Amino acid sequence: MVWYVYVGWFFAGLFLTNAIPHLVQGMCGNRFQTPFASPPGVGESSAVINVLWGFCNLAIGFALLYIFLPQLPPPWPLCAAALLGGLVIALYLAWHFGRVRNAAPHP
């Protein structure tokens, strides 16, 4: 399998995992950090913005899976690449939002 298929699945896992907190927080009616807040990634956006951002991440993730889907069921190395992408973004977001939420309150 060519290398860029693994990269596509890695980023699909990244986008699909990033969709989870935004969709959950948005559907619960909570404000949460997005790239559209001020300052980006630190300030909080409305619940509606979070749902829209989460849905965009979901759509991009599924589009990448569709584009790079070689066969059904997918080979386990592709699934591992998607899981690795999800793990990387989950660890980064846990570190980033842990720092943001433990800092002083934002206006």
PDB file of N, CA and C in Angstrom:
ATOM      1  N   MET A   1       0.853  -1.179   0.000  1.00  0.00           N
ATOM      2  CA  MET A   1       0.000   0.000   0.000  1.00  0.00           C
ATOM      3  C   MET A   1       0.897   1.240   0.000  1.00  0.00           C
ATOM      4  N   VAL A   2       0.538   2.255  -0.780  1.00  0.00           N
ATOM      5  CA  VAL A   2       1.346   3.460  -0.875  1.00  0.00           C
ATOM      6  C   VAL A   2       1.260   4.282   0.405  1.00  0.00           C
ATOM      7  N   TRP A   3       2.304   5.041   0.684  1.00  0.00           N
ATOM      8  CA  TRP A   3       2.442   5.747   1.953  1.00  0.00           C
ATOM      9  C   TRP A   3       1.345   6.776   2.198  1.00  0.00           C
ATOM     10  N   TYR A   4       0.879   7.444   1.159  1.00  0.00           N
ATOM     11  CA  TYR A   4      -0.091   8.518   1.378  1.00  0.00           C
ATOM     12  C   TYR A   4      -1.457   7.998   1.832  1.00  0.00           C
ATOM     13  N   VAL A   5      -1.745   6.726   1.619  1.00  0.00           N
ATOM     14  CA  VAL A   5      -2.993   6.157   2.140  1.00  0.00           C
ATOM     15  C   VAL A   5      -2.935   6.113   3.662  1.00  0.00           C
ATOM     16  N   TYR A   6      -1.767   5.767   4.216  1.00  0.00           N
ATOM     17  CA  TYR A   6      -1.597   5.766   5.667  1.00  0.00           C
ATOM     18  C   TYR A   6      -1.717   7.182   6.232  1.00  0.00           C
ATOM     19  N   VAL A   7      -1.164   8.147   5.514  1.00  0.00           N
ATOM     20  CA  VAL A   7      -1.269   9.544   5.954  1.00  0.00           C
ATOM     21  C   VAL A   7      -2.729   9.993   5.929  1.00  0.00           C
ATOM     22  N   GLY A   8      -3.458   9.614   4.889  1.00  0.00           N
ATOM     23  CA  GLY A   8      -4.879   9.955   4.802  1.00  0.00           C
ATOM     24  C   GLY A   8      -5.673   9.369   5.960  1.00  0.00           C
ATOM     25  N   TRP A   9      -5.402   8.113   6.296  1.00  0.00           N
ATOM     26  CA  TRP A   9      -6.113   7.481   7.407  1.00  0.00           C
ATOM     27  C   TRP A   9      -5.687   8.069   8.746  1.00  0.00           C
ATOM     28  N   PHE A  10      -4.422   8.452   8.876  1.00  0.00           N
ATOM     29  CA  PHE A  10      -3.951   9.115  10.095  1.00  0.00           C
ATOM     30  C   PHE A  10      -4.746  10.390  10.323  1.00  0.00           C
ATOM     31  N   PHE A  11      -4.866  11.210   9.282  1.00  0.00           N
ATOM     32  CA  PHE A  11      -5.606  12.468   9.415  1.00  0.00           C
ATOM     33  C   PHE A  11      -7.109  12.237   9.558  1.00  0.00           C
ATOM     34  N   ALA A  12      -7.628  11.167   8.977  1.00  0.00           N
ATOM     35  CA  ALA A  12      -9.041  10.838   9.190  1.00  0.00           C
ATOM     36  C   ALA A  12      -9.282  10.554  10.670  1.00  0.00           C
ATOM     37  N   GLY A  13      -8.404   9.775  11.283  1.00  0.00           N
ATOM     38  CA  GLY A  13      -8.519   9.505  12.718  1.00  0.00           C
ATOM     39  C   GLY A  13      -8.387  10.765  13.542  1.00  0.00           C
ATOM     40  N   LEU A  14      -7.502  11.654  13.129  1.00  0.00           N
ATOM     41  CA  LEU A  14      -7.318  12.919  13.822  1.00  0.00           C
ATOM     42  C   LEU A  14      -8.598  13.755  13.791  1.00  0.00           C
ATOM     43  N   PHE A  15      -9.177  13.930  12.606  1.00  0.00           N
ATOM     44  CA  PHE A  15     -10.399  14.734  12.473  1.00  0.00           C
ATOM     45  C   PHE A  15     -11.586  14.083  13.186  1.00  0.00           C
ATOM     46  N   LEU A  16     -11.732  12.772  13.069  1.00  0.00           N
ATOM     47  CA  LEU A  16     -12.857  12.093  13.713  1.00  0.00           C
ATOM     48  C   LEU A  16     -12.771  12.197  15.229  1.00  0.00           C
ATOM     49  N   THR A  17     -11.570  12.076  15.775  1.00  0.00           N
ATOM     50  CA  THR A  17     -11.404  12.202  17.224  1.00  0.00           C
ATOM     51  C   THR A  17     -11.635  13.633  17.681  1.00  0.00           C
ATOM     52  N   ASN A  18     -11.189  14.611  16.904  1.00  0.00           N
ATOM     53  CA  ASN A  18     -11.390  16.011  17.273  1.00  0.00           C
ATOM     54  C   ASN A  18     -12.868  16.396  17.230  1.00  0.00           C
ATOM     55  N   ALA A  19     -13.668  15.692  16.466  1.00  0.00           N
ATOM     56  CA  ALA A  19     -15.100  16.001  16.393  1.00  0.00           C
ATOM     57  C   ALA A  19     -15.806  15.686  17.705  1.00  0.00           C
ATOM     58  N   ILE A  20     -15.325  14.696  18.432  1.00  0.00           N
ATOM     59  CA  ILE A  20     -16.035  14.213  19.620  1.00  0.00           C
ATOM     60  C   ILE A  20     -16.232  15.295  20.683  1.00  0.00           C
ATOM     61  N   PRO A  21     -15.173  15.963  21.186  1.00  0.00           N
ATOM     62  CA  PRO A  21     -15.411  16.936  22.259  1.00  0.00           C
ATOM     63  C   PRO A  21     -16.279  18.113  21.823  1.00  0.00           C
ATOM     64  N   HIS A  22     -16.114  18.533  20.570  1.00  0.00           N
ATOM     65  CA  HIS A  22     -16.905  19.680  20.108  1.00  0.00           C
ATOM     66  C   HIS A  22     -18.380  19.321  19.978  1.00  0.00           C
ATOM     67  N   LEU A  23     -18.669  18.156  19.435  1.00  0.00           N
ATOM     68  CA  LEU A  23     -20.067  17.735  19.336  1.00  0.00           C
ATOM     69  C   LEU A  23     -20.686  17.518  20.714  1.00  0.00           C
ATOM     70  N   VAL A  24     -19.962  16.859  21.603  1.00  0.00           N
ATOM     71  CA  VAL A  24     -20.500  16.580  22.942  1.00  0.00           C
ATOM     72  C   VAL A  24     -20.739  17.869  23.713  1.00  0.00           C
ATOM     73  N   GLN A  25     -19.745  18.734  23.770  1.00  0.00           N
ATOM     74  CA  GLN A  25     -19.915  19.992  24.511  1.00  0.00           C
ATOM     75  C   GLN A  25     -21.019  20.846  23.891  1.00  0.00           C
ATOM     76  N   GLY A  26     -21.052  20.906  22.556  1.00  0.00           N
ATOM     77  CA  GLY A  26     -22.084  21.694  21.888  1.00  0.00           C
ATOM     78  C   GLY A  26     -23.474  21.150  22.145  1.00  0.00           C
ATOM     79  N   MET A  27     -23.643  19.821  22.044  1.00  0.00           N
ATOM     80  CA  MET A  27     -24.968  19.234  22.259  1.00  0.00           C
ATOM     81  C   MET A  27     -25.403  19.344  23.715  1.00  0.00           C
ATOM     82  N   CYS A  28     -24.450  19.459  24.631  1.00  0.00           N
ATOM     83  CA  CYS A  28     -24.790  19.650  26.047  1.00  0.00           C
ATOM     84  C   CYS A  28     -25.065  21.116  26.359  1.00  0.00           C
ATOM     85  N   GLY A  29     -24.873  21.989  25.373  1.00  0.00           N
ATOM     86  CA  GLY A  29     -25.137  23.413  25.571  1.00  0.00           C
ATOM     87  C   GLY A  29     -23.995  24.153  26.227  1.00  0.00           C
ATOM     88  N   ASN A  30     -22.817  23.546  26.265  1.00  0.00           N
ATOM     89  CA  ASN A  30     -21.665  24.164  26.924  1.00  0.00           C
ATOM     90  C   ASN A  30     -20.806  24.937  25.936  1.00  0.00           C
ATOM     91  N   ARG A  31     -20.186  25.983  26.451  1.00  0.00           N
ATOM     92  CA  ARG A  31     -19.188  26.718  25.676  1.00  0.00           C
ATOM     93  C   ARG A  31     -17.889  25.916  25.733  1.00  0.00           C
ATOM     94  N   PHE A  32     -17.092  25.999  24.662  1.00  0.00           N
ATOM     95  CA  PHE A  32     -15.844  25.240  24.605  1.00  0.00           C
ATOM     96  C   PHE A  32     -14.907  25.933  23.619  1.00  0.00           C
ATOM     97  N   GLN A  33     -13.614  25.686  23.758  1.00  0.00           N
ATOM     98  CA  GLN A  33     -12.627  26.326  22.900  1.00  0.00           C
ATOM     99  C   GLN A  33     -12.729  25.829  21.458  1.00  0.00           C
ATOM    100  N   THR A  34     -12.602  26.771  20.523  1.00  0.00           N
ATOM    101  CA  THR A  34     -12.507  26.443  19.097  1.00  0.00           C
ATOM    102  C   THR A  34     -11.467  27.372  18.476  1.00  0.00           C
ATOM    103  N   PRO A  35     -11.067  27.099  17.241  1.00  0.00           N
ATOM    104  CA  PRO A  35     -10.152  28.011  16.554  1.00  0.00           C
ATOM    105  C   PRO A  35     -10.789  29.361  16.220  1.00  0.00           C
ATOM    106  N   PHE A  36     -12.105  29.476  16.360  1.00  0.00           N
ATOM    107  CA  PHE A  36     -12.812  30.701  15.991  1.00  0.00           C
ATOM    108  C   PHE A  36     -12.971  31.660  17.160  1.00  0.00           C
ATOM    109  N   ALA A  37     -12.603  31.234  18.372  1.00  0.00           N
ATOM    110  CA  ALA A  37     -12.738  32.075  19.554  1.00  0.00           C
ATOM    111  C   ALA A  37     -11.600  33.090  19.590  1.00  0.00           C
ATOM    112  N   SER A  38     -11.705  34.014  20.514  1.00  0.00           N
ATOM    113  CA  SER A  38     -10.651  35.002  20.685  1.00  0.00           C
ATOM    114  C   SER A  38     -10.101  34.888  22.091  1.00  0.00           C
ATOM    115  N   PRO A  39      -8.846  34.563  22.261  1.00  0.00           N
ATOM    116  CA  PRO A  39      -7.843  34.141  21.292  1.00  0.00           C
ATOM    117  C   PRO A  39      -8.110  32.715  20.807  1.00  0.00           C
ATOM    118  N   PRO A  40      -7.705  32.397  19.592  1.00  0.00           N
ATOM    119  CA  PRO A  40      -7.988  31.085  19.009  1.00  0.00           C
ATOM    120  C   PRO A  40      -7.448  29.933  19.864  1.00  0.00           C
ATOM    121  N   GLY A  41      -8.292  28.958  20.115  1.00  0.00           N
ATOM    122  CA  GLY A  41      -7.893  27.780  20.875  1.00  0.00           C
ATOM    123  C   GLY A  41      -7.858  27.979  22.368  1.00  0.00           C
ATOM    124  N   VAL A  42      -8.087  29.202  22.832  1.00  0.00           N
ATOM    125  CA  VAL A  42      -8.078  29.495  24.266  1.00  0.00           C
ATOM    126  C   VAL A  42      -9.430  30.034  24.702  1.00  0.00           C
ATOM    127  N   GLY A  43      -9.960  31.026  23.973  1.00  0.00           N
ATOM    128  CA  GLY A  43     -11.283  31.550  24.275  1.00  0.00           C
ATOM    129  C   GLY A  43     -12.350  30.521  23.944  1.00  0.00           C
ATOM    130  N   GLU A  44     -13.521  30.729  24.506  1.00  0.00           N
ATOM    131  CA  GLU A  44     -14.602  29.760  24.316  1.00  0.00           C
ATOM    132  C   GLU A  44     -15.614  30.252  23.288  1.00  0.00           C
ATOM    133  N   SER A  45     -16.109  29.318  22.493  1.00  0.00           N
ATOM    134  CA  SER A  45     -17.145  29.609  21.503  1.00  0.00           C
ATOM    135  C   SER A  45     -18.479  29.074  22.004  1.00  0.00           C
ATOM    136  N   SER A  46     -19.558  29.527  21.392  1.00  0.00           N
ATOM    137  CA  SER A  46     -20.896  29.094  21.788  1.00  0.00           C
ATOM    138  C   SER A  46     -21.109  27.623  21.466  1.00  0.00           C
ATOM    139  N   ALA A  47     -22.166  27.073  22.033  1.00  0.00           N
ATOM    140  CA  ALA A  47     -22.506  25.672  21.799  1.00  0.00           C
ATOM    141  C   ALA A  47     -22.803  25.421  20.320  1.00  0.00           C
ATOM    142  N   VAL A  48     -23.472  26.361  19.672  1.00  0.00           N
ATOM    143  CA  VAL A  48     -23.814  26.193  18.251  1.00  0.00           C
ATOM    144  C   VAL A  48     -22.547  26.145  17.397  1.00  0.00           C
ATOM    145  N   ILE A  49     -21.599  27.023  17.666  1.00  0.00           N
ATOM    146  CA  ILE A  49     -20.333  27.022  16.926  1.00  0.00           C
ATOM    147  C   ILE A  49     -19.613  25.694  17.142  1.00  0.00           C
ATOM    148  N   ASN A  50     -19.650  25.167  18.360  1.00  0.00           N
ATOM    149  CA  ASN A  50     -19.006  23.885  18.636  1.00  0.00           C
ATOM    150  C   ASN A  50     -19.655  22.742  17.876  1.00  0.00           C
ATOM    151  N   VAL A  51     -20.969  22.738  17.788  1.00  0.00           N
ATOM    152  CA  VAL A  51     -21.643  21.689  17.018  1.00  0.00           C
ATOM    153  C   VAL A  51     -21.261  21.798  15.544  1.00  0.00           C
ATOM    154  N   LEU A  52     -21.242  22.999  15.006  1.00  0.00           N
ATOM    155  CA  LEU A  52     -20.870  23.185  13.600  1.00  0.00           C
ATOM    156  C   LEU A  52     -19.416  22.782  13.352  1.00  0.00           C
ATOM    157  N   TRP A  53     -18.514  23.161  14.261  1.00  0.00           N
ATOM    158  CA  TRP A  53     -17.105  22.802  14.123  1.00  0.00           C
ATOM    159  C   TRP A  53     -16.923  21.288  14.259  1.00  0.00           C
ATOM    160  N   GLY A  54     -17.619  20.680  15.192  1.00  0.00           N
ATOM    161  CA  GLY A  54     -17.547  19.229  15.347  1.00  0.00           C
ATOM    162  C   GLY A  54     -18.072  18.510  14.122  1.00  0.00           C
ATOM    163  N   PHE A  55     -19.160  19.006  13.554  1.00  0.00           N
ATOM    164  CA  PHE A  55     -19.719  18.381  12.356  1.00  0.00           C
ATOM    165  C   PHE A  55     -18.779  18.533  11.170  1.00  0.00           C
ATOM    166  N   CYS A  56     -18.112  19.682  11.051  1.00  0.00           N
ATOM    167  CA  CYS A  56     -17.130  19.863   9.972  1.00  0.00           C
ATOM    168  C   CYS A  56     -15.985  18.858  10.118  1.00  0.00           C
ATOM    169  N   ASN A  57     -15.508  18.665  11.348  1.00  0.00           N
ATOM    170  CA  ASN A  57     -14.450  17.682  11.590  1.00  0.00           C
ATOM    171  C   ASN A  57     -14.922  16.277  11.231  1.00  0.00           C
ATOM    172  N   LEU A  58     -16.161  15.966  11.580  1.00  0.00           N
ATOM    173  CA  LEU A  58     -16.740  14.663  11.261  1.00  0.00           C
ATOM    174  C   LEU A  58     -16.818  14.462   9.745  1.00  0.00           C
ATOM    175  N   ALA A  59     -17.276  15.486   9.031  1.00  0.00           N
ATOM    176  CA  ALA A  59     -17.401  15.393   7.575  1.00  0.00           C
ATOM    177  C   ALA A  59     -16.031  15.227   6.910  1.00  0.00           C
ATOM    178  N   ILE A  60     -15.043  15.962   7.376  1.00  0.00           N
ATOM    179  CA  ILE A  60     -13.698  15.851   6.805  1.00  0.00           C
ATOM    180  C   ILE A  60     -13.126  14.464   7.081  1.00  0.00           C
ATOM    181  N   GLY A  61     -13.296  13.974   8.303  1.00  0.00           N
ATOM    182  CA  GLY A  61     -12.795  12.646   8.651  1.00  0.00           C
ATOM    183  C   GLY A  61     -13.415  11.553   7.801  1.00  0.00           C
ATOM    184  N   PHE A  62     -14.722  11.586   7.647  1.00  0.00           N
ATOM    185  CA  PHE A  62     -15.387  10.578   6.821  1.00  0.00           C
ATOM    186  C   PHE A  62     -15.032  10.728   5.339  1.00  0.00           C
ATOM    187  N   ALA A  63     -14.852  11.968   4.880  1.00  0.00           N
ATOM    188  CA  ALA A  63     -14.442  12.172   3.487  1.00  0.00           C
ATOM    189  C   ALA A  63     -13.060  11.572   3.243  1.00  0.00           C
ATOM    190  N   LEU A  64     -12.141  11.756   4.175  1.00  0.00           N
ATOM    191  CA  LEU A  64     -10.813  11.171   4.029  1.00  0.00           C
ATOM    192  C   LEU A  64     -10.879   9.644   4.022  1.00  0.00           C
ATOM    193  N   LEU A  65     -11.706   9.063   4.889  1.00  0.00           N
ATOM    194  CA  LEU A  65     -11.859   7.610   4.877  1.00  0.00           C
ATOM    195  C   LEU A  65     -12.416   7.135   3.541  1.00  0.00           C
ATOM    196  N   TYR A  66     -13.390   7.859   3.021  1.00  0.00           N
ATOM    197  CA  TYR A  66     -13.997   7.482   1.743  1.00  0.00           C
ATOM    198  C   TYR A  66     -12.989   7.576   0.599  1.00  0.00           C
ATOM    199  N   ILE A  67     -12.216   8.657   0.588  1.00  0.00           N
ATOM    200  CA  ILE A  67     -11.245   8.874  -0.491  1.00  0.00           C
ATOM    201  C   ILE A  67     -10.161   7.800  -0.476  1.00  0.00           C
ATOM    202  N   PHE A  68      -9.697   7.448   0.718  1.00  0.00           N
ATOM    203  CA  PHE A  68      -8.564   6.529   0.827  1.00  0.00           C
ATOM    204  C   PHE A  68      -8.978   5.107   1.191  1.00  0.00           C
ATOM    205  N   LEU A  69     -10.252   4.769   1.026  1.00  0.00           N
ATOM    206  CA  LEU A  69     -10.717   3.424   1.353  1.00  0.00           C
ATOM    207  C   LEU A  69     -10.355   2.469   0.227  1.00  0.00           C
ATOM    208  N   PRO A  70      -9.399   1.555   0.456  1.00  0.00           N
ATOM    209  CA  PRO A  70      -8.980   0.670  -0.620  1.00  0.00           C
ATOM    210  C   PRO A  70      -9.894  -0.537  -0.806  1.00  0.00           C
ATOM    211  N   GLN A  71     -10.438  -1.042   0.289  1.00  0.00           N
ATOM    212  CA  GLN A  71     -11.264  -2.248   0.220  1.00  0.00           C
ATOM    213  C   GLN A  71     -12.028  -2.396   1.528  1.00  0.00           C
ATOM    214  N   LEU A  72     -12.996  -3.270   1.528  1.00  0.00           N
ATOM    215  CA  LEU A  72     -13.732  -3.564   2.754  1.00  0.00           C
ATOM    216  C   LEU A  72     -13.523  -5.020   3.108  1.00  0.00           C
ATOM    217  N   PRO A  73     -13.260  -5.378   4.287  1.00  0.00           N
ATOM    218  CA  PRO A  73     -12.889  -4.496   5.396  1.00  0.00           C
ATOM    219  C   PRO A  73     -11.485  -3.931   5.178  1.00  0.00           C
ATOM    220  N   PRO A  74     -11.192  -2.764   5.767  1.00  0.00           N
ATOM    221  CA  PRO A  74      -9.867  -2.171   5.571  1.00  0.00           C
ATOM    222  C   PRO A  74      -8.787  -3.015   6.250  1.00  0.00           C
ATOM    223  N   PRO A  75      -7.601  -3.024   5.685  1.00  0.00           N
ATOM    224  CA  PRO A  75      -6.503  -3.759   6.304  1.00  0.00           C
ATOM    225  C   PRO A  75      -6.169  -3.179   7.683  1.00  0.00           C
ATOM    226  N   TRP A  76      -5.712  -4.028   8.589  1.00  0.00           N
ATOM    227  CA  TRP A  76      -5.441  -3.579   9.951  1.00  0.00           C
ATOM    228  C   TRP A  76      -4.391  -2.484  10.029  1.00  0.00           C
ATOM    229  N   PRO A  77      -3.380  -2.412   9.140  1.00  0.00           N
ATOM    230  CA  PRO A  77      -2.434  -1.293   9.253  1.00  0.00           C
ATOM    231  C   PRO A  77      -3.103   0.066   9.028  1.00  0.00           C
ATOM    232  N   LEU A  78      -4.120   0.125   8.163  1.00  0.00           N
ATOM    233  CA  LEU A  78      -4.837   1.388   7.972  1.00  0.00           C
ATOM    234  C   LEU A  78      -5.629   1.758   9.216  1.00  0.00           C
ATOM    235  N   CYS A  79      -6.261   0.766   9.823  1.00  0.00           N
ATOM    236  CA  CYS A  79      -6.994   1.029  11.065  1.00  0.00           C
ATOM    237  C   CYS A  79      -6.043   1.505  12.148  1.00  0.00           C
ATOM    238  N   ALA A  80      -4.853   0.909  12.206  1.00  0.00           N
ATOM    239  CA  ALA A  80      -3.850   1.331  13.184  1.00  0.00           C
ATOM    240  C   ALA A  80      -3.412   2.773  12.921  1.00  0.00           C
ATOM    241  N   ALA A  81      -3.280   3.159  11.654  1.00  0.00           N
ATOM    242  CA  ALA A  81      -2.912   4.537  11.318  1.00  0.00           C
ATOM    243  C   ALA A  81      -3.997   5.508  11.772  1.00  0.00           C
ATOM    244  N   ALA A  82      -5.267   5.150  11.568  1.00  0.00           N
ATOM    245  CA  ALA A  82      -6.374   6.009  12.005  1.00  0.00           C
ATOM    246  C   ALA A  82      -6.406   6.110  13.534  1.00  0.00           C
ATOM    247  N   LEU A  83      -6.196   4.994  14.213  1.00  0.00           N
ATOM    248  CA  LEU A  83      -6.170   5.016  15.681  1.00  0.00           C
ATOM    249  C   LEU A  83      -5.001   5.839  16.201  1.00  0.00           C
ATOM    250  N   LEU A  84      -3.854   5.750  15.546  1.00  0.00           N
ATOM    251  CA  LEU A  84      -2.697   6.543  15.946  1.00  0.00           C
ATOM    252  C   LEU A  84      -2.986   8.036  15.767  1.00  0.00           C
ATOM    253  N   GLY A  85      -3.630   8.405  14.668  1.00  0.00           N
ATOM    254  CA  GLY A  85      -4.016   9.801  14.469  1.00  0.00           C
ATOM    255  C   GLY A  85      -4.966  10.274  15.558  1.00  0.00           C
ATOM    256  N   GLY A  86      -5.917   9.426  15.926  1.00  0.00           N
ATOM    257  CA  GLY A  86      -6.842   9.767  17.003  1.00  0.00           C
ATOM    258  C   GLY A  86      -6.131   9.918  18.331  1.00  0.00           C
ATOM    259  N   LEU A  87      -5.182   9.017  18.613  1.00  0.00           N
ATOM    260  CA  LEU A  87      -4.436   9.091  19.868  1.00  0.00           C
ATOM    261  C   LEU A  87      -3.582  10.346  19.931  1.00  0.00           C
ATOM    262  N   VAL A  88      -2.937  10.693  18.823  1.00  0.00           N
ATOM    263  CA  VAL A  88      -2.091  11.890  18.799  1.00  0.00           C
ATOM    264  C   VAL A  88      -2.908  13.140  19.094  1.00  0.00           C
ATOM    265  N   ILE A  89      -4.044  13.308  18.426  1.00  0.00           N
ATOM    266  CA  ILE A  89      -4.844  14.515  18.657  1.00  0.00           C
ATOM    267  C   ILE A  89      -5.476  14.497  20.042  1.00  0.00           C
ATOM    268  N   ALA A  90      -5.880  13.335  20.533  1.00  0.00           N
ATOM    269  CA  ALA A  90      -6.470  13.255  21.873  1.00  0.00           C
ATOM    270  C   ALA A  90      -5.450  13.656  22.937  1.00  0.00           C
ATOM    271  N   LEU A  91      -4.223  13.175  22.817  1.00  0.00           N
ATOM    272  CA  LEU A  91      -3.185  13.539  23.790  1.00  0.00           C
ATOM    273  C   LEU A  91      -2.845  15.023  23.702  1.00  0.00           C
ATOM    274  N   TYR A  92      -2.752  15.543  22.486  1.00  0.00           N
ATOM    275  CA  TYR A  92      -2.463  16.967  22.333  1.00  0.00           C
ATOM    276  C   TYR A  92      -3.582  17.824  22.927  1.00  0.00           C
ATOM    277  N   LEU A  93      -4.834  17.478  22.625  1.00  0.00           N
ATOM    278  CA  LEU A  93      -5.957  18.264  23.139  1.00  0.00           C
ATOM    279  C   LEU A  93      -6.060  18.159  24.655  1.00  0.00           C
ATOM    280  N   ALA A  94      -5.781  16.996  25.217  1.00  0.00           N
ATOM    281  CA  ALA A  94      -5.797  16.849  26.674  1.00  0.00           C
ATOM    282  C   ALA A  94      -4.744  17.755  27.295  1.00  0.00           C
ATOM    283  N   TRP A  95      -3.560  17.795  26.705  1.00  0.00           N
ATOM    284  CA  TRP A  95      -2.492  18.653  27.220  1.00  0.00           C
ATOM    285  C   TRP A  95      -2.870  20.126  27.063  1.00  0.00           C
ATOM    286  N   HIS A  96      -3.330  20.523  25.869  1.00  0.00           N
ATOM    287  CA  HIS A  96      -3.656  21.919  25.593  1.00  0.00           C
ATOM    288  C   HIS A  96      -4.813  22.413  26.455  1.00  0.00           C
ATOM    289  N   PHE A  97      -5.932  21.695  26.439  1.00  0.00           N
ATOM    290  CA  PHE A  97      -7.101  22.154  27.188  1.00  0.00           C
ATOM    291  C   PHE A  97      -6.898  22.015  28.689  1.00  0.00           C
ATOM    292  N   GLY A  98      -6.065  21.082  29.121  1.00  0.00           N
ATOM    293  CA  GLY A  98      -5.720  21.000  30.541  1.00  0.00           C
ATOM    294  C   GLY A  98      -5.013  22.256  30.997  1.00  0.00           C
ATOM    295  N   ARG A  99      -4.093  22.754  30.168  1.00  0.00           N
ATOM    296  CA  ARG A  99      -3.397  24.010  30.497  1.00  0.00           C
ATOM    297  C   ARG A  99      -4.356  25.190  30.454  1.00  0.00           C
ATOM    298  N   VAL A 100      -5.219  25.247  29.422  1.00  0.00           N
ATOM    299  CA  VAL A 100      -6.140  26.370  29.273  1.00  0.00           C
ATOM    300  C   VAL A 100      -7.142  26.409  30.425  1.00  0.00           C
ATOM    301  N   ARG A 101      -7.715  25.271  30.763  1.00  0.00           N
ATOM    302  CA  ARG A 101      -8.748  25.235  31.791  1.00  0.00           C
ATOM    303  C   ARG A 101      -8.184  25.374  33.204  1.00  0.00           C
ATOM    304  N   ASN A 102      -6.907  25.072  33.413  1.00  0.00           N
ATOM    305  CA  ASN A 102      -6.299  25.243  34.721  1.00  0.00           C
ATOM    306  C   ASN A 102      -5.719  26.643  34.923  1.00  0.00           C
ATOM    307  N   ALA A 103      -5.672  27.431  33.857  1.00  0.00           N
ATOM    308  CA  ALA A 103      -5.186  28.807  33.937  1.00  0.00           C
ATOM    309  C   ALA A 103      -6.291  29.689  34.513  1.00  0.00           C
ATOM    310  N   ALA A 104      -5.950  30.952  34.682  1.00  0.00           N
ATOM    311  CA  ALA A 104      -6.920  31.921  35.203  1.00  0.00           C
ATOM    312  C   ALA A 104      -8.125  32.011  34.259  1.00  0.00           C
ATOM    313  N   PRO A 105      -9.322  32.332  34.784  1.00  0.00           N
ATOM    314  CA  PRO A 105     -10.515  32.458  33.930  1.00  0.00           C
ATOM    315  C   PRO A 105     -10.306  33.525  32.854  1.00  0.00           C
ATOM    316  N   HIS A 106     -10.908  33.269  31.709  1.00  0.00           N
ATOM    317  CA  HIS A 106     -10.818  34.184  30.578  1.00  0.00           C
ATOM    318  C   HIS A 106     -12.042  35.078  30.525  1.00  0.00           C
ATOM    319  N   PRO A 107     -11.846  36.319  30.086  1.00  0.00           N
ATOM    320  CA  PRO A 107     -13.010  37.232  30.002  1.00  0.00           C
ATOM    321  C   PRO A 107     -14.002  36.818  28.956  1.00  0.00           C
TER     322      PRO A 107
END
